[in-house]
Amino acid sequence: MLLEVQSYIATHGTASVVDLAIRFQTDAETLQPILKKLSQKGRIQMLPVAAKCAGCTACDPLKLVCYQWTADRWTADRWTADRR
């Protein structure tokens, strides 16, 4: 699943934990070790969590956690080409 998550983020540029969980039909807890590994490899980074607006509690906190592809363009092209 690591390669699939990597390819998804490389293709889309950014993705929230909720988007990934829906796409891969899993839960956020299952994704955490994968996201951590990709982050340690320098391929993705967690974006700063947006502040909630005016004390609203309607947002799912996981929708606010997003990761961005940070590896170079060649790496992204290679991973997405391999997955096609």
C-alpha atoms as a PDB file:
ATOM      1  CA  MET A   1       0.000   0.000   0.000  1.00  0.00           C
ATOM      2  CA  LEU A   2       2.985   2.326   0.516  1.00  0.00           C
ATOM      3  CA  LEU A   3       3.603   2.605  -3.228  1.00  0.00           C
ATOM      4  CA  GLU A   4      -0.067   3.254  -3.932  1.00  0.00           C
ATOM      5  CA  VAL A   5      -0.258   6.034  -1.328  1.00  0.00           C
ATOM      6  CA  GLN A   6       2.986   7.509  -2.645  1.00  0.00           C
ATOM      7  CA  SER A   7       1.694   7.449  -6.217  1.00  0.00           C
ATOM      8  CA  TYR A   8      -1.614   9.034  -5.198  1.00  0.00           C
ATOM      9  CA  ILE A   9       0.053  11.940  -3.403  1.00  0.00           C
ATOM     10  CA  ALA A  10       2.607  12.385  -6.210  1.00  0.00           C
ATOM     11  CA  THR A  11      -0.198  12.513  -8.785  1.00  0.00           C
ATOM     12  CA  HIS A  12      -2.483  14.847  -6.821  1.00  0.00           C
ATOM     13  CA  GLY A  13       0.197  17.042  -5.217  1.00  0.00           C
ATOM     14  CA  THR A  14      -1.602  17.147  -1.870  1.00  0.00           C
ATOM     15  CA  ALA A  15      -4.057  14.916  -0.058  1.00  0.00           C
ATOM     16  CA  SER A  16      -5.797  14.927   3.289  1.00  0.00           C
ATOM     17  CA  VAL A  17      -5.741  11.907   5.567  1.00  0.00           C
ATOM     18  CA  VAL A  18      -9.500  11.572   5.041  1.00  0.00           C
ATOM     19  CA  ASP A  19      -9.077  11.601   1.240  1.00  0.00           C
ATOM     20  CA  LEU A  20      -6.453   8.861   1.503  1.00  0.00           C
ATOM     21  CA  ALA A  21      -8.589   6.786   3.874  1.00  0.00           C
ATOM     22  CA  ILE A  22     -11.536   6.962   1.488  1.00  0.00           C
ATOM     23  CA  ARG A  23      -9.423   6.226  -1.584  1.00  0.00           C
ATOM     24  CA  PHE A  24      -7.737   3.197  -0.023  1.00  0.00           C
ATOM     25  CA  GLN A  25     -10.765   2.050   1.984  1.00  0.00           C
ATOM     26  CA  THR A  26      -8.913   2.071   5.285  1.00  0.00           C
ATOM     27  CA  ASP A  27      -8.705   4.175   8.423  1.00  0.00           C
ATOM     28  CA  ALA A  28      -6.378   6.968   9.461  1.00  0.00           C
ATOM     29  CA  GLU A  29      -4.561   4.778  11.983  1.00  0.00           C
ATOM     30  CA  THR A  30      -3.541   2.340   9.233  1.00  0.00           C
ATOM     31  CA  LEU A  31      -2.207   5.198   7.103  1.00  0.00           C
ATOM     32  CA  GLN A  32      -0.068   6.791   9.825  1.00  0.00           C
ATOM     33  CA  PRO A  33       2.962   4.435   9.537  1.00  0.00           C
ATOM     34  CA  ILE A  34       2.898   4.783   5.740  1.00  0.00           C
ATOM     35  CA  LEU A  35       2.747   8.574   5.895  1.00  0.00           C
ATOM     36  CA  LYS A  36       5.495   8.613   8.511  1.00  0.00           C
ATOM     37  CA  LYS A  37       7.756   6.443   6.320  1.00  0.00           C
ATOM     38  CA  LEU A  38       7.183   8.614   3.235  1.00  0.00           C
ATOM     39  CA  SER A  39       7.849  11.717   5.311  1.00  0.00           C
ATOM     40  CA  GLN A  40      11.096  10.254   6.689  1.00  0.00           C
ATOM     41  CA  LYS A  41      12.192   9.478   3.123  1.00  0.00           C
ATOM     42  CA  GLY A  42      11.610  13.124   2.180  1.00  0.00           C
ATOM     43  CA  ARG A  43       8.908  12.351  -0.349  1.00  0.00           C
ATOM     44  CA  ILE A  44       6.040  14.064   1.476  1.00  0.00           C
ATOM     45  CA  GLN A  45       5.576  16.582   4.234  1.00  0.00           C
ATOM     46  CA  MET A  46       2.675  17.350   6.494  1.00  0.00           C
ATOM     47  CA  LEU A  47       1.293  20.799   5.812  1.00  0.00           C
ATOM     48  CA  PRO A  48       0.608  23.148   8.707  1.00  0.00           C
ATOM     49  CA  VAL A  49      -2.832  22.420  10.116  1.00  0.00           C
ATOM     50  CA  ALA A  50      -5.256  25.200   9.335  1.00  0.00           C
ATOM     51  CA  ALA A  51      -6.725  26.952  12.332  1.00  0.00           C
ATOM     52  CA  LYS A  52     -10.390  26.385  12.957  1.00  0.00           C
ATOM     53  CA  CYS A  53     -12.527  29.369  12.198  1.00  0.00           C
ATOM     54  CA  ALA A  54     -14.315  31.172  15.032  1.00  0.00           C
ATOM     55  CA  GLY A  55     -14.426  28.210  17.400  1.00  0.00           C
ATOM     56  CA  CYS A  56     -16.347  26.006  14.985  1.00  0.00           C
ATOM     57  CA  THR A  57     -16.414  22.326  15.925  1.00  0.00           C
ATOM     58  CA  ALA A  58     -18.084  21.031  12.769  1.00  0.00           C
ATOM     59  CA  CYS A  59     -14.872  20.128  10.922  1.00  0.00           C
ATOM     60  CA  ASP A  60     -13.434  16.653  11.199  1.00  0.00           C
ATOM     61  CA  PRO A  61      -9.855  17.263  12.464  1.00  0.00           C
ATOM     62  CA  LEU A  62      -8.505  14.662  10.004  1.00  0.00           C
ATOM     63  CA  LYS A  63      -9.838  16.733   7.095  1.00  0.00           C
ATOM     64  CA  LEU A  64      -7.467  19.454   8.229  1.00  0.00           C
ATOM     65  CA  VAL A  65      -4.362  17.192   8.154  1.00  0.00           C
ATOM     66  CA  CYS A  66      -2.870  17.266   4.659  1.00  0.00           C
ATOM     67  CA  TYR A  67       0.325  15.966   3.111  1.00  0.00           C
ATOM     68  CA  GLN A  68       2.142  17.438   0.133  1.00  0.00           C
ATOM     69  CA  TRP A  69       4.470  15.757  -2.344  1.00  0.00           C
ATOM     70  CA  THR A  70       7.974  17.185  -1.827  1.00  0.00           C
ATOM     71  CA  ALA A  71      10.257  14.846  -3.784  1.00  0.00           C
ATOM     72  CA  ASP A  72      11.669  16.203  -7.006  1.00  0.00           C
ATOM     73  CA  ARG A  73       9.663  16.165 -10.224  1.00  0.00           C
ATOM     74  CA  TRP A  74      11.667  13.262 -11.686  1.00  0.00           C
ATOM     75  CA  THR A  75      10.798  11.083  -8.705  1.00  0.00           C
ATOM     76  CA  ALA A  76       7.107  11.968  -8.993  1.00  0.00           C
ATOM     77  CA  ASP A  77       7.105  11.258 -12.727  1.00  0.00           C
ATOM     78  CA  ARG A  78       8.890   7.946 -12.185  1.00  0.00           C
ATOM     79  CA  TRP A  79       6.470   6.777  -9.490  1.00  0.00           C
ATOM     80  CA  THR A  80       3.348   7.825 -11.375  1.00  0.00           C
ATOM     81  CA  ALA A  81       4.623   6.270 -14.638  1.00  0.00           C
ATOM     82  CA  ASP A  82       5.365   3.005 -12.847  1.00  0.00           C
ATOM     83  CA  ARG A  83       1.808   2.891 -11.510  1.00  0.00           C
ATOM     84  CA  ARG A  84       0.082   3.333 -14.903  1.00  0.00           C
END
